[in-house]
Amino acid sequence: MIIDAHAHLWKKQAGIVCGKPVYDVGRGRSNFGGEIKQMMPPYMTDGENNVERIIANMDYAQVSGAVITQEYIDGNQDSYLIEAKAKYPDRIKICALYEEKEMGDISTFDGIKICAGRLADKNLLNHLYPFELADKYGKFISIDLADGDEQCDMMQEIIDKFPNLRIAIGHFAMVTRDGWLEQIKLAKNKNVYIESGGITWLFNSEFYPYPSAVDSINEAAELVGFDKLMWGSDYPRTMTAITYKMSYDFVVKSDKISEENKNLFLGENAVKFYGFGNLTVPEKIKNMVED
């Protein structure tokens, strides 16, 4: 069973980056703070990154469940994610977006997303509120830390304060940046895990089958164990370069990771961490180029 621990959805992109707007301009492209970027595959011509499309990709790639996180560059998608979960309650978990202010009712959400590297005030000790809220209501925290070890000491203080809080650190600790292993070490704490959303983006210059990404996964596992690592795709942005299946297939085909550890990384750890239940493996449907 395969679980995607890091994916995105939006009905209408209305985000911000470095104080400048991010919005759809058609053909899967977005104005990204004044620069045109291919934000989605070009066939997503209407600008919608909707739940029906990710479910279709999940079914095709035989991915059973996904965690829908959020990003400031897409704009707050809380309302749409509630709608999406109502359609596919067993297939997806959803995160409410923390925006450096009080949050509304989070009862429908499974977790809270903190874009720590994009906070105006990057001192995490000034942002205890979302951690307190998640701890109080039994939600998880999905957090993308600033590059390297900038926020690691602060993060450790918060972990010590909320030892029972489930925390998933995203983007595989920004693995290609100096100091990434300091983020990985945070997973030595009982309820802290690492998810690999964006790892194919970070190793894009090397491209499939990402041998250095595999080496980095093994390096992280040597520090914290494979039982603390989870796969994530960073859908749909990474799908501008590869297919959805390719975002995990490089792990499946690697001879440097045991079958047992592949199972932990690709799904078993995420089922445990996020509390997925009632999942099945989608039926394999042959495509037109297969015999």
Foldseek 3Di string as FASTA:
>chain_A
DFEAEEEAFAQFFWAADPRATWGDDFQCWICHRNDIDNQFHSVVGPRGRALVVVVVLCLQLQHWAYEHEDDRNRPFRVVRVLVSCVVPVQHYAYAGEDDPDDDDDCVSHQAHEDALQRHPDNQCVVVCVRVVVCLVNVHAYEYEHHAACPCLVSVLVSCVVRVPHAYEYECQQLQVGPRSLSVLLSLLRDRYAYENACVCVSQVVVHPPPPVSVVSLVVSCVNRHLLRAEYHHHPPRNVNPPRSNSSLVSVVPDPVDDPVSSCNHRPPSCCVNSVRDPIDGNDHDDDPVDD
